[in-house]
């Protein structure tokens, strides 16, 4: 096992700035070439400490902006239409892309990858969809799906 310091958050390993132990091949072939980690030397520990301090300041300012946007998104009610059968099931589905486009039409630019939709919406009715604006800030958007 080899110790590396993560430069970015990696879902399966840890948060940026953490020192983790990984197999040498994983570090040598993936983490180090892609710039996702540094070897755990004294010089790199100091560099990561400086990067972590700068990242903390940046994330705090981004969080404040995300909280303001979450407050505006909390009151948003989307209405999407789709062709549906007799039992209230859609022939197609409402995807994160559809929700992002409708939010864009209402003046809220949100990347579709930030819309946390486990499965596409396939039924008529009211649905609550979470939008991740920041790692710690989520907003709930109400989506009303109606028949065309």
Protein backbone atom coordinates (compact mmCIF):
# COMPACT_ATOMS: atom_id res chain seq x y z
CA UNK A 1 0.00 0.00 0.00
CA UNK A 2 1.12 3.54 -0.74
CA UNK A 3 -0.01 6.81 0.87
CA UNK A 4 -1.31 9.60 -1.35
CA UNK A 5 -2.94 12.95 -0.65
CA UNK A 6 -6.16 13.54 -2.61
CA UNK A 7 -6.41 16.76 -4.61
CA UNK A 8 -10.09 16.33 -5.43
CA UNK A 9 -13.07 14.57 -3.87
CA UNK A 10 -13.26 10.98 -5.05
CA UNK A 11 -16.49 9.26 -4.13
CA UNK A 12 -14.96 5.88 -3.30
CA UNK A 13 -11.82 7.17 -1.53
CA UNK A 14 -12.44 10.41 0.33
CA UNK A 15 -12.44 14.19 0.32
CA UNK A 16 -9.82 16.54 -1.08
CA UNK A 17 -6.87 17.04 1.25
CA UNK A 18 -7.20 13.65 2.96
CA UNK A 19 -4.29 11.24 3.12
CA UNK A 20 -5.39 7.75 2.03
CA UNK A 21 -3.70 4.42 1.47
CA UNK A 22 -4.19 2.85 -1.96
CA UNK A 23 -2.58 0.07 -3.95
CA UNK A 24 0.56 1.17 -5.82
CA UNK A 25 -0.90 0.34 -9.24
CA UNK A 26 -4.02 2.45 -8.65
CA UNK A 27 -1.89 5.40 -7.58
CA UNK A 28 0.69 5.00 -10.35
CA UNK A 29 -1.75 4.29 -13.21
CA UNK A 30 -4.78 6.41 -12.35
CA UNK A 31 -4.58 8.87 -9.45
CA UNK A 32 -1.18 10.44 -10.15
CA UNK A 33 -1.39 10.72 -13.99
CA UNK A 34 -4.87 12.27 -13.83
CA UNK A 35 -3.78 14.82 -11.22
CA UNK A 36 -6.24 13.51 -8.64
CA UNK A 37 -3.58 12.91 -5.96
CA UNK A 38 -0.01 13.66 -4.89
CA UNK A 39 2.46 11.33 -3.26
CA UNK A 40 2.49 11.86 0.50
CA UNK A 41 5.83 13.69 0.89
CA UNK A 42 6.52 16.56 3.29
CA UNK A 43 6.61 19.14 0.48
CA UNK A 44 3.32 17.90 -0.96
CA UNK A 45 1.70 17.95 2.50
CA UNK A 46 2.52 21.67 2.74
CA UNK A 47 1.22 22.29 -0.80
CA UNK A 48 -2.04 20.47 -0.04
CA UNK A 49 -2.47 22.48 3.17
CA UNK A 50 -2.26 25.71 1.14
CA UNK A 51 -4.65 24.36 -1.51
CA UNK A 52 -7.07 23.22 1.18
CA UNK A 53 -7.12 26.69 2.76
CA UNK A 54 -7.83 28.31 -0.64
CA UNK A 55 -10.49 25.70 -1.43
CA UNK A 56 -12.20 26.32 1.92
CA UNK A 57 -12.47 30.05 1.23
CA UNK A 58 -13.78 29.38 -2.30
CA UNK A 59 -16.33 26.81 -1.11
CA UNK A 60 -17.66 29.19 1.56
CA UNK A 61 -18.31 31.89 -1.03
CA UNK A 62 -19.85 29.35 -3.43
CA UNK A 63 -22.02 28.02 -0.60
CA UNK A 64 -23.42 31.49 0.10
CA UNK A 65 -24.36 31.87 -3.57
CA UNK A 66 -25.84 28.36 -3.63
CA UNK A 67 -27.97 29.09 -0.56
CA UNK A 68 -29.36 32.23 -2.22
CA UNK A 69 -30.19 30.24 -5.36
CA UNK A 70 -31.73 27.44 -3.27
CA UNK A 71 -34.07 29.99 -1.70
CA UNK A 72 -35.26 31.10 -5.14
CA UNK A 73 -35.59 27.52 -6.42
CA UNK A 74 -37.61 26.45 -3.38
CA UNK A 75 -40.64 28.32 -4.67
CA UNK A 76 -40.38 27.07 -8.26
CA UNK A 77 -43.25 24.96 -9.57
CA UNK A 78 -42.60 23.30 -12.93
CA UNK A 79 -45.37 22.03 -15.16
CA UNK A 80 -44.39 19.49 -17.79
CA UNK A 81 -46.75 17.78 -20.23
CA UNK A 82 -46.41 14.34 -21.68
CA UNK A 83 -48.53 11.83 -23.57
CA UNK A 84 -50.12 9.44 -21.11
CA UNK A 85 -52.24 6.31 -21.15
CA UNK A 86 -55.48 5.74 -19.30
CA UNK A 87 -53.85 4.66 -16.03
CA UNK A 88 -51.74 7.82 -15.69
CA UNK A 89 -48.54 6.31 -17.03
CA UNK A 90 -46.51 8.31 -19.53
CA UNK A 91 -45.64 6.76 -22.88
CA UNK A 92 -42.23 8.36 -22.61
CA UNK A 93 -40.65 9.82 -19.49
CA UNK A 94 -39.59 13.11 -17.95
CA UNK A 95 -35.80 13.20 -17.58
CA UNK A 96 -33.33 15.49 -15.84
CA UNK A 97 -32.69 17.15 -19.23
CA UNK A 98 -36.40 18.04 -19.54
CA UNK A 99 -36.42 19.51 -16.03
CA UNK A 100 -33.22 21.51 -16.71
CA UNK A 101 -34.69 22.93 -19.94
CA UNK A 102 -37.90 23.98 -18.18
CA UNK A 103 -35.91 25.59 -15.36
CA UNK A 104 -33.90 27.45 -18.03
CA UNK A 105 -37.11 28.77 -19.60
CA UNK A 106 -38.10 30.14 -16.18
CA UNK A 107 -34.74 31.89 -15.80
CA UNK A 108 -32.91 29.39 -13.55
CA UNK A 109 -29.84 28.01 -15.30
CA UNK A 110 -29.14 24.58 -13.78
CA UNK A 111 -26.88 21.92 -15.25
CA UNK A 112 -28.80 18.67 -15.84
CA UNK A 113 -26.09 16.70 -14.00
CA UNK A 114 -26.97 18.58 -10.81
CA UNK A 115 -30.57 17.37 -10.90
CA UNK A 116 -30.75 14.29 -8.70
CA UNK A 117 -33.35 12.09 -10.34
CA UNK A 118 -32.91 8.40 -9.52
CA UNK A 119 -35.21 7.25 -12.30
CA UNK A 120 -36.97 9.20 -15.03
CA UNK A 121 -40.50 10.26 -14.07
CA UNK A 122 -43.00 7.96 -15.78
CA UNK A 123 -46.28 8.84 -14.06
CA UNK A 124 -48.63 11.81 -13.96
CA UNK A 125 -48.92 13.87 -10.80
CA UNK A 126 -46.78 15.84 -8.39
CA UNK A 127 -43.12 14.91 -7.92
CA UNK A 128 -40.40 16.42 -5.75
CA UNK A 129 -36.97 16.65 -7.41
CA UNK A 130 -33.73 17.51 -5.60
CA UNK A 131 -31.21 19.88 -7.22
CA UNK A 132 -27.63 19.78 -5.87
CA UNK A 133 -26.30 23.34 -6.03
CA UNK A 134 -23.29 22.73 -3.76
CA UNK A 135 -22.01 19.64 -1.93
CA UNK A 136 -23.87 20.81 1.19
CA UNK A 137 -26.80 22.70 -0.39
CA UNK A 138 -29.79 21.04 -2.05
CA UNK A 139 -33.01 22.62 -3.29
CA UNK A 140 -36.35 20.88 -3.76
CA UNK A 141 -38.26 21.68 -6.95
CA UNK A 142 -41.90 20.66 -7.41
CA UNK A 143 -42.60 19.08 -10.79
CA UNK A 144 -46.19 18.68 -11.90
CA UNK A 145 -46.60 16.21 -14.76
CA UNK A 146 -49.84 16.56 -16.71
CA UNK A 147 -51.30 14.79 -19.76
CA UNK A 148 -51.05 16.59 -23.10
